[in-house]
Amino acid sequence: MEIDCQPEEPIVPSFDEDCVELGDVKDMRLEAEAVVNDVLFAVTQMHVSQSLNSELDVAYINVETREGNLYCLELTEAGLRVVGYAFDQVDEDLSDQYYETVYSLLDTLSPGYTEAFGNALLQRLENLKQSGR
């Protein structure tokens, strides 16, 4: 197995940049964990499903938005899509709309996510401004 990074570089999971590849297939279970870690601060709860079988090419993520809405998301090479309106629920015919990033999906589903993300960004900018004085 090859990992495409230099030994000096820290290996930090990130949905858009780093991945573990097995042949030509990304390990979606690892990608799903990275997705959860990226946006957990801006939702009520989010975790990779333990009930649904994740494979190398597909993983399922349960998310509760700040509005209290539950979703089951499918993560594949095509992106993310809503496959259920409850944790661990999959209805293959529910949606064929894929989102390239978890950010764009949550922007669509949750105004609370958008607000939390914006507030976190403003806080970081304020911290940078204060540390520059």
Protein backbone atom coordinates (compact mmCIF):
# COMPACT_ATOMS: atom_id res chain seq x y z
CA MET A 1 0.00 0.00 0.00
CA GLU A 2 1.35 3.42 -0.95
CA ILE A 3 0.52 6.65 0.80
CA ASP A 4 1.12 9.71 -1.33
CA CYS A 5 2.98 11.98 1.11
CA GLN A 6 6.50 12.66 2.29
CA PRO A 7 7.62 11.05 5.59
CA GLU A 8 8.27 14.51 7.10
CA GLU A 9 4.69 15.61 6.51
CA PRO A 10 2.15 15.02 9.27
CA ILE A 11 -0.55 12.59 8.24
CA VAL A 12 -3.83 14.31 9.11
CA PRO A 13 -7.10 13.07 7.65
CA SER A 14 -8.94 15.58 5.51
CA PHE A 15 -11.81 14.85 3.16
CA ASP A 16 -10.58 17.02 0.29
CA GLU A 17 -6.82 16.56 0.42
CA ASP A 18 -5.44 13.42 2.03
CA CYS A 19 -6.68 9.94 1.37
CA VAL A 20 -5.64 6.36 1.74
CA GLU A 21 -5.89 4.61 -1.58
CA LEU A 22 -6.13 0.90 -2.10
CA GLY A 23 -5.46 0.45 -5.78
CA ASP A 24 -7.73 3.01 -7.42
CA VAL A 25 -10.34 2.97 -4.63
CA LYS A 26 -10.33 5.37 -1.68
CA ASP A 27 -11.18 3.81 1.67
CA MET A 28 -14.48 5.59 2.28
CA ARG A 29 -14.55 4.50 5.92
CA LEU A 30 -11.49 6.66 6.57
CA GLU A 31 -12.88 9.48 4.45
CA ALA A 32 -16.12 9.36 6.45
CA GLU A 33 -14.21 9.76 9.73
CA ALA A 34 -12.43 12.78 8.26
CA VAL A 35 -15.76 14.29 7.16
CA VAL A 36 -17.17 13.88 10.66
CA ASN A 37 -14.10 15.46 12.27
CA ASP A 38 -14.25 18.44 9.89
CA VAL A 39 -17.79 19.57 10.73
CA LEU A 40 -18.68 18.03 14.10
CA PHE A 41 -18.40 21.46 15.76
CA ALA A 42 -21.28 22.82 13.68
CA VAL A 43 -23.91 20.08 14.06
CA THR A 44 -25.68 18.58 17.09
CA GLN A 45 -24.22 15.13 16.51
CA MET A 46 -22.52 13.25 13.71
CA HIS A 47 -20.91 9.82 13.48
CA VAL A 48 -20.07 7.07 11.03
CA SER A 49 -22.81 4.44 11.14
CA GLN A 50 -21.91 1.31 13.05
CA SER A 51 -25.10 -0.49 11.96
CA LEU A 52 -24.83 -0.10 8.19
CA ASN A 53 -22.10 -2.00 6.40
CA SER A 54 -19.45 0.36 5.14
CA GLU A 55 -17.21 -0.91 2.38
CA LEU A 56 -14.08 0.43 0.75
CA ASP A 57 -16.20 2.30 -1.81
CA VAL A 58 -19.13 3.43 0.39
CA ALA A 59 -19.67 4.62 3.96
CA TYR A 60 -22.68 5.92 5.83
CA ILE A 61 -22.76 8.91 8.15
CA ASN A 62 -25.54 9.81 10.58
CA VAL A 63 -26.03 13.50 11.28
CA GLU A 64 -28.39 15.52 13.44
CA THR A 65 -28.51 19.16 12.42
CA ARG A 66 -28.82 22.03 14.88
CA GLU A 67 -32.48 22.19 13.92
CA GLY A 68 -32.98 18.63 15.20
CA ASN A 69 -33.37 17.01 11.76
CA LEU A 70 -31.90 13.53 11.33
CA TYR A 71 -30.21 12.33 8.15
CA CYS A 72 -28.34 9.31 6.96
CA LEU A 73 -25.73 10.26 4.37
CA GLU A 74 -23.99 8.04 1.86
CA LEU A 75 -20.38 8.84 1.00
CA THR A 76 -18.92 7.50 -2.25
CA GLU A 77 -16.44 8.67 -4.88
CA ALA A 78 -19.35 10.60 -6.42
CA GLY A 79 -19.74 12.64 -3.22
CA LEU A 80 -22.33 12.77 -0.46
CA ARG A 81 -26.08 12.33 -0.73
CA VAL A 82 -29.01 12.01 1.64
CA VAL A 83 -30.28 8.41 1.72
CA GLY A 84 -32.49 8.56 4.82
CA TYR A 85 -34.36 10.81 7.21
CA ALA A 86 -33.40 8.80 10.29
CA PHE A 87 -30.15 7.35 11.58
CA ASP A 88 -29.09 4.12 9.84
CA GLN A 89 -31.94 4.34 7.31
CA VAL A 90 -31.22 3.80 3.62
CA ASP A 91 -33.73 4.38 0.84
CA GLU A 92 -31.76 4.07 -2.41
CA ASP A 93 -34.51 5.89 -4.34
CA LEU A 94 -34.63 8.89 -2.00
CA SER A 95 -32.15 11.20 -3.71
CA ASP A 96 -29.81 11.13 -6.64
CA GLN A 97 -28.39 14.59 -5.91
CA TYR A 98 -24.76 14.32 -4.88
CA TYR A 99 -22.84 17.07 -3.13
CA GLU A 100 -19.14 17.43 -3.76
CA THR A 101 -18.40 18.44 -0.18
CA VAL A 102 -19.99 18.02 3.24
CA TYR A 103 -19.94 21.81 3.52
CA SER A 104 -22.20 22.32 0.50
CA LEU A 105 -24.55 19.55 1.65
CA LEU A 106 -24.90 21.02 5.15
CA ASP A 107 -25.27 24.54 3.77
CA THR A 108 -28.32 23.24 1.92
CA LEU A 109 -29.79 21.25 4.83
CA SER A 110 -29.07 23.39 7.87
CA PRO A 111 -29.18 27.15 8.41
CA GLY A 112 -27.80 26.42 11.90
CA TYR A 113 -24.74 24.80 10.37
CA THR A 114 -24.17 27.83 8.15
CA GLU A 115 -24.44 30.15 11.15
CA ALA A 116 -22.12 28.01 13.32
CA PHE A 117 -19.56 27.79 10.52
CA GLY A 118 -19.66 31.56 10.00
CA ASN A 119 -19.33 32.22 13.73
CA ALA A 120 -16.33 29.87 13.97
CA LEU A 121 -14.69 31.67 11.05
CA LEU A 122 -15.30 35.07 12.62
CA GLN A 123 -13.86 33.83 15.93
CA ARG A 124 -10.70 32.60 14.20
CA LEU A 125 -10.30 35.91 12.39
CA GLU A 126 -10.76 37.78 15.66
CA ASN A 127 -8.14 35.58 17.33
CA LEU A 128 -5.70 36.28 14.50
CA LYS A 129 -6.38 40.00 14.78
CA GLN A 130 -5.78 39.97 18.54
CA SER A 131 -2.60 37.91 18.32
CA GLY A 132 -1.25 40.37 15.69
CA ARG A 133 -1.35 43.31 18.14
